N, C-alpha and C. Protein backbone atom coordinates (compact mmCIF):
# COMPACT_ATOMS: atom_id res chain seq x y z
N MET A 1 0.82 -1.20 0.00
CA MET A 1 0.00 0.00 0.00
C MET A 1 0.86 1.26 0.00
N LYS A 2 2.03 1.18 0.65
CA LYS A 2 2.92 2.35 0.69
C LYS A 2 3.55 2.60 -0.67
N MET A 3 3.63 1.60 -1.51
CA MET A 3 4.26 1.74 -2.82
C MET A 3 3.35 2.47 -3.82
N LEU A 4 2.05 2.46 -3.58
CA LEU A 4 1.11 3.09 -4.52
C LEU A 4 1.38 4.59 -4.71
N PRO A 5 1.53 5.39 -3.64
CA PRO A 5 1.82 6.82 -3.85
C PRO A 5 3.17 7.05 -4.54
N VAL A 6 4.15 6.22 -4.24
CA VAL A 6 5.45 6.37 -4.86
C VAL A 6 5.35 6.10 -6.36
N CYS A 7 4.66 5.03 -6.73
CA CYS A 7 4.47 4.71 -8.15
C CYS A 7 3.70 5.81 -8.87
N LEU A 8 2.68 6.35 -8.23
CA LEU A 8 1.89 7.42 -8.82
C LEU A 8 2.75 8.66 -9.08
N CYS A 9 3.59 9.01 -8.11
CA CYS A 9 4.48 10.17 -8.28
C CYS A 9 5.46 9.95 -9.42
N LEU A 10 5.99 8.75 -9.54
CA LEU A 10 6.92 8.45 -10.62
C LEU A 10 6.25 8.52 -11.98
N CYS A 11 5.02 8.06 -12.07
CA CYS A 11 4.28 8.12 -13.34
C CYS A 11 4.02 9.58 -13.75
N VAL A 12 3.63 10.41 -12.79
CA VAL A 12 3.36 11.82 -13.08
C VAL A 12 4.65 12.51 -13.50
N ALA A 13 5.74 12.27 -12.79
CA ALA A 13 7.02 12.89 -13.12
C ALA A 13 7.49 12.47 -14.52
N ALA A 14 7.30 11.22 -14.88
CA ALA A 14 7.70 10.75 -16.20
C ALA A 14 6.85 11.41 -17.28
N GLY A 15 5.57 11.59 -17.02
CA GLY A 15 4.67 12.23 -17.99
C GLY A 15 5.03 13.69 -18.20
N VAL A 16 5.36 14.41 -17.13
CA VAL A 16 5.74 15.81 -17.23
C VAL A 16 7.04 15.95 -18.01
N THR A 17 7.99 15.07 -17.75
CA THR A 17 9.26 15.10 -18.46
C THR A 17 9.07 14.84 -19.95
N ALA A 18 8.21 13.89 -20.28
CA ALA A 18 7.96 13.57 -21.68
C ALA A 18 7.30 14.73 -22.41
N VAL A 19 6.36 15.40 -21.78
CA VAL A 19 5.68 16.55 -22.40
C VAL A 19 6.65 17.69 -22.60
N GLY A 20 7.56 17.91 -21.67
CA GLY A 20 8.53 18.99 -21.76
C GLY A 20 9.51 18.80 -22.90
N GLN A 21 9.67 17.59 -23.41
CA GLN A 21 10.63 17.33 -24.47
C GLN A 21 10.02 17.42 -25.86
N VAL A 22 8.72 17.62 -25.97
CA VAL A 22 8.08 17.77 -27.28
C VAL A 22 8.49 19.11 -27.86
N PRO A 23 9.04 19.16 -29.09
CA PRO A 23 9.47 20.44 -29.66
C PRO A 23 8.28 21.36 -29.92
N PRO A 24 8.45 22.67 -29.74
CA PRO A 24 7.34 23.60 -30.01
C PRO A 24 7.03 23.63 -31.50
N ASP A 25 5.83 24.10 -31.81
CA ASP A 25 5.44 24.24 -33.22
C ASP A 25 6.43 25.16 -33.93
N GLN A 26 6.66 24.87 -35.18
CA GLN A 26 7.57 25.69 -35.96
C GLN A 26 6.92 27.04 -36.24
N VAL A 27 7.67 28.11 -36.05
CA VAL A 27 7.20 29.45 -36.33
C VAL A 27 7.65 29.81 -37.74
N SER A 28 6.74 30.39 -38.52
CA SER A 28 7.09 30.72 -39.90
C SER A 28 8.22 31.75 -39.92
N GLN A 29 8.95 31.78 -41.02
CA GLN A 29 10.07 32.71 -41.14
C GLN A 29 9.59 34.15 -41.07
N GLU A 30 8.43 34.45 -41.64
CA GLU A 30 7.90 35.81 -41.59
C GLU A 30 7.61 36.22 -40.15
N ASP A 31 7.03 35.30 -39.35
CA ASP A 31 6.75 35.61 -37.96
C ASP A 31 8.03 35.85 -37.17
N GLN A 32 9.09 35.14 -37.49
CA GLN A 32 10.35 35.34 -36.80
C GLN A 32 10.93 36.70 -37.13
N VAL A 33 10.73 37.16 -38.35
CA VAL A 33 11.30 38.43 -38.78
C VAL A 33 10.57 39.60 -38.13
N VAL A 34 9.24 39.57 -38.11
CA VAL A 34 8.48 40.74 -37.68
C VAL A 34 7.74 40.56 -36.37
N GLY A 35 8.01 39.53 -35.62
CA GLY A 35 7.29 39.29 -34.39
C GLY A 35 6.23 38.25 -34.61
N ASN A 36 5.50 37.90 -33.57
CA ASN A 36 4.53 36.83 -33.73
C ASN A 36 3.15 37.18 -33.25
N ARG A 37 2.87 38.45 -32.97
CA ARG A 37 1.54 38.84 -32.54
C ARG A 37 1.08 40.04 -33.35
N THR A 38 -0.15 39.97 -33.81
CA THR A 38 -0.68 41.12 -34.53
C THR A 38 -1.45 42.02 -33.58
N SER A 39 -1.51 43.28 -33.92
CA SER A 39 -2.26 44.27 -33.16
C SER A 39 -3.21 44.97 -34.12
N THR A 40 -4.34 45.42 -33.60
CA THR A 40 -5.28 46.22 -34.38
C THR A 40 -5.05 47.67 -34.03
N ILE A 41 -4.81 48.49 -35.05
CA ILE A 41 -4.47 49.89 -34.85
C ILE A 41 -5.32 50.75 -35.78
N LEU A 42 -5.80 51.88 -35.26
CA LEU A 42 -6.54 52.84 -36.06
C LEU A 42 -5.63 54.02 -36.36
N GLY A 43 -5.67 54.50 -37.61
CA GLY A 43 -4.86 55.64 -37.98
C GLY A 43 -5.11 56.07 -39.41
N THR A 44 -4.33 57.04 -39.85
CA THR A 44 -4.48 57.61 -41.18
C THR A 44 -3.28 57.24 -42.04
N VAL A 45 -3.56 56.91 -43.29
CA VAL A 45 -2.50 56.60 -44.24
C VAL A 45 -2.05 57.92 -44.85
N ARG A 46 -0.75 58.20 -44.74
CA ARG A 46 -0.20 59.45 -45.26
C ARG A 46 0.81 59.14 -46.35
N ASP A 47 0.68 59.84 -47.46
CA ASP A 47 1.62 59.68 -48.56
C ASP A 47 2.71 60.72 -48.39
N GLY A 48 3.90 60.26 -48.01
CA GLY A 48 5.00 61.17 -47.75
C GLY A 48 5.91 61.38 -48.94
N GLY A 49 5.40 61.21 -50.14
CA GLY A 49 6.21 61.38 -51.33
C GLY A 49 6.83 60.07 -51.78
N GLN A 50 7.87 59.63 -51.08
CA GLN A 50 8.54 58.39 -51.47
C GLN A 50 7.88 57.15 -50.87
N ALA A 51 7.38 57.25 -49.64
CA ALA A 51 6.83 56.07 -48.98
C ALA A 51 5.56 56.43 -48.23
N LEU A 52 4.68 55.45 -48.11
CA LEU A 52 3.47 55.63 -47.31
C LEU A 52 3.82 55.41 -45.84
N THR A 53 3.20 56.20 -44.97
CA THR A 53 3.36 56.01 -43.54
C THR A 53 1.97 55.86 -42.92
N PHE A 54 1.92 55.28 -41.74
CA PHE A 54 0.68 55.08 -41.02
C PHE A 54 0.77 55.95 -39.76
N VAL A 55 -0.15 56.90 -39.63
CA VAL A 55 -0.08 57.88 -38.55
C VAL A 55 -1.20 57.63 -37.55
N THR A 56 -0.82 57.47 -36.28
CA THR A 56 -1.78 57.36 -35.18
C THR A 56 -1.67 58.62 -34.34
N ASP A 57 -2.46 58.70 -33.28
CA ASP A 57 -2.37 59.86 -32.40
C ASP A 57 -1.01 59.92 -31.70
N GLU A 58 -0.40 58.76 -31.46
CA GLU A 58 0.85 58.71 -30.73
C GLU A 58 2.08 58.98 -31.60
N ARG A 59 2.08 58.46 -32.84
CA ARG A 59 3.28 58.56 -33.66
C ARG A 59 3.02 58.20 -35.11
N ALA A 60 4.02 58.41 -35.94
CA ALA A 60 3.98 57.99 -37.34
C ALA A 60 4.82 56.73 -37.47
N TRP A 61 4.29 55.74 -38.16
CA TRP A 61 4.96 54.45 -38.33
C TRP A 61 5.40 54.27 -39.78
N ASN A 62 6.59 53.76 -39.98
CA ASN A 62 7.01 53.33 -41.30
C ASN A 62 6.32 52.00 -41.58
N VAL A 63 6.07 51.71 -42.83
CA VAL A 63 5.37 50.49 -43.20
C VAL A 63 6.30 49.62 -44.04
N ASP A 64 6.53 48.39 -43.58
CA ASP A 64 7.43 47.46 -44.28
C ASP A 64 6.88 47.05 -45.64
N ASN A 65 5.56 46.95 -45.74
CA ASN A 65 4.92 46.50 -46.98
C ASN A 65 3.87 47.54 -47.42
N PRO A 66 4.31 48.69 -47.94
CA PRO A 66 3.38 49.78 -48.27
C PRO A 66 2.38 49.43 -49.36
N GLU A 67 2.62 48.39 -50.13
CA GLU A 67 1.67 48.02 -51.18
C GLU A 67 0.30 47.65 -50.61
N THR A 68 0.25 47.23 -49.33
CA THR A 68 -1.04 46.89 -48.71
C THR A 68 -1.89 48.13 -48.48
N LEU A 69 -1.28 49.30 -48.43
CA LEU A 69 -2.02 50.54 -48.17
C LEU A 69 -2.35 51.31 -49.44
N LYS A 70 -1.91 50.84 -50.58
CA LYS A 70 -2.19 51.55 -51.84
C LYS A 70 -3.70 51.72 -52.02
N GLY A 71 -4.09 52.91 -52.40
CA GLY A 71 -5.50 53.21 -52.60
C GLY A 71 -6.19 53.74 -51.34
N HIS A 72 -5.49 53.72 -50.21
CA HIS A 72 -6.08 54.22 -48.95
C HIS A 72 -5.43 55.53 -48.50
N GLU A 73 -4.66 56.18 -49.36
CA GLU A 73 -3.99 57.41 -49.00
C GLU A 73 -5.00 58.44 -48.52
N GLY A 74 -4.74 59.04 -47.34
CA GLY A 74 -5.62 60.04 -46.77
C GLY A 74 -6.80 59.47 -46.00
N HIS A 75 -7.00 58.16 -46.03
CA HIS A 75 -8.13 57.54 -45.34
C HIS A 75 -7.78 57.18 -43.90
N TYR A 76 -8.79 57.26 -43.05
CA TYR A 76 -8.69 56.78 -41.68
C TYR A 76 -9.09 55.31 -41.72
N VAL A 77 -8.20 54.39 -41.36
CA VAL A 77 -8.43 52.96 -41.51
C VAL A 77 -8.05 52.20 -40.24
N ARG A 78 -8.49 50.95 -40.22
CA ARG A 78 -8.12 50.01 -39.15
C ARG A 78 -7.23 48.96 -39.80
N VAL A 79 -6.05 48.72 -39.20
CA VAL A 79 -5.14 47.71 -39.75
C VAL A 79 -4.82 46.67 -38.69
N ASN A 80 -4.58 45.46 -39.16
CA ASN A 80 -3.97 44.43 -38.33
C ASN A 80 -2.52 44.39 -38.76
N ALA A 81 -1.61 44.46 -37.81
CA ALA A 81 -0.20 44.55 -38.16
C ALA A 81 0.69 43.95 -37.09
N PHE A 82 1.85 43.46 -37.54
CA PHE A 82 2.92 43.10 -36.63
C PHE A 82 3.63 44.40 -36.29
N VAL A 83 3.78 44.72 -35.01
CA VAL A 83 4.37 45.98 -34.57
C VAL A 83 5.82 45.74 -34.15
N GLU A 84 6.70 46.58 -34.65
CA GLU A 84 8.11 46.54 -34.26
C GLU A 84 8.46 47.92 -33.69
N PRO A 85 8.18 48.14 -32.40
CA PRO A 85 8.38 49.47 -31.82
C PRO A 85 9.84 49.92 -31.81
N ASP A 86 10.78 48.99 -31.69
CA ASP A 86 12.18 49.38 -31.67
C ASP A 86 12.65 49.91 -33.03
N ARG A 87 12.04 49.44 -34.10
CA ARG A 87 12.36 49.95 -35.45
C ARG A 87 11.38 51.02 -35.90
N GLY A 88 10.29 51.20 -35.16
CA GLY A 88 9.27 52.19 -35.54
C GLY A 88 8.53 51.80 -36.80
N SER A 89 8.31 50.49 -36.99
CA SER A 89 7.67 50.06 -38.23
C SER A 89 6.56 49.06 -37.98
N LEU A 90 5.71 48.94 -38.99
CA LEU A 90 4.60 48.00 -38.99
C LEU A 90 4.72 47.09 -40.20
N HIS A 91 4.29 45.85 -40.04
CA HIS A 91 4.12 44.95 -41.18
C HIS A 91 2.63 44.64 -41.22
N ILE A 92 1.91 45.26 -42.15
CA ILE A 92 0.45 45.21 -42.19
C ILE A 92 -0.02 43.94 -42.88
N THR A 93 -0.99 43.27 -42.22
CA THR A 93 -1.57 42.05 -42.78
C THR A 93 -2.97 42.26 -43.32
N LYS A 94 -3.70 43.25 -42.80
CA LYS A 94 -5.08 43.49 -43.24
C LYS A 94 -5.43 44.95 -43.07
N VAL A 95 -6.16 45.51 -44.04
CA VAL A 95 -6.62 46.90 -43.98
C VAL A 95 -8.13 46.90 -44.15
N LYS A 96 -8.83 47.60 -43.26
CA LYS A 96 -10.29 47.72 -43.35
C LYS A 96 -10.69 49.14 -42.97
N LEU A 97 -11.85 49.55 -43.46
CA LEU A 97 -12.42 50.81 -43.02
C LEU A 97 -12.99 50.61 -41.62
N PRO A 98 -12.87 51.60 -40.75
CA PRO A 98 -13.39 51.44 -39.39
C PRO A 98 -14.92 51.43 -39.38
N THR A 99 -15.48 50.82 -38.35
CA THR A 99 -16.93 50.82 -38.17
C THR A 99 -17.35 52.19 -37.64
N ALA A 100 -18.65 52.40 -37.54
CA ALA A 100 -19.16 53.68 -37.03
C ALA A 100 -18.69 53.91 -35.59
N ASN A 101 -18.59 52.86 -34.79
CA ASN A 101 -18.13 52.99 -33.40
C ASN A 101 -16.63 53.28 -33.32
N GLU A 102 -15.91 53.01 -34.38
CA GLU A 102 -14.46 53.23 -34.38
C GLU A 102 -14.08 54.52 -35.11
N SER A 103 -15.02 55.41 -35.25
CA SER A 103 -14.74 56.65 -35.98
C SER A 103 -13.66 57.45 -35.25
N ARG A 104 -13.09 58.40 -35.93
CA ARG A 104 -12.04 59.23 -35.35
C ARG A 104 -12.52 59.91 -34.06
N ARG A 105 -13.76 60.29 -34.02
CA ARG A 105 -14.32 60.96 -32.85
C ARG A 105 -14.30 60.04 -31.63
N ASN A 106 -14.57 58.75 -31.84
CA ASN A 106 -14.62 57.80 -30.73
C ASN A 106 -13.25 57.17 -30.44
N ASP A 107 -12.24 57.48 -31.24
CA ASP A 107 -10.92 56.87 -31.09
C ASP A 107 -10.24 57.29 -29.79
N ALA A 108 -10.60 58.42 -29.22
CA ALA A 108 -9.94 58.92 -28.01
C ALA A 108 -10.32 58.15 -26.76
N ARG A 109 -11.30 57.26 -26.85
CA ARG A 109 -11.73 56.50 -25.67
C ARG A 109 -10.67 55.63 -25.12
């Protein structure tokens, strides 16, 4: 009877060790380059002559892939993007027009 708790502890320890050795899922090369979490950001697309920038209330962001913003110059839009604050840049994955609740007037909330 005293051996039962010992055996149970050994089984649990072996299971935890086995799970810890399973390699994590492979992260795509693009995710490794620009981070692995997207953020939703509201702002205005500004055409600065040579390159498009994305301007929020806090700052202006350089855009790694400006082709995603073509046709939205001067528009207030919502983007999903990988944010790289140390480089001051965004890698945009999706561009949409904001909903009525996300208008510029309500953005200060």
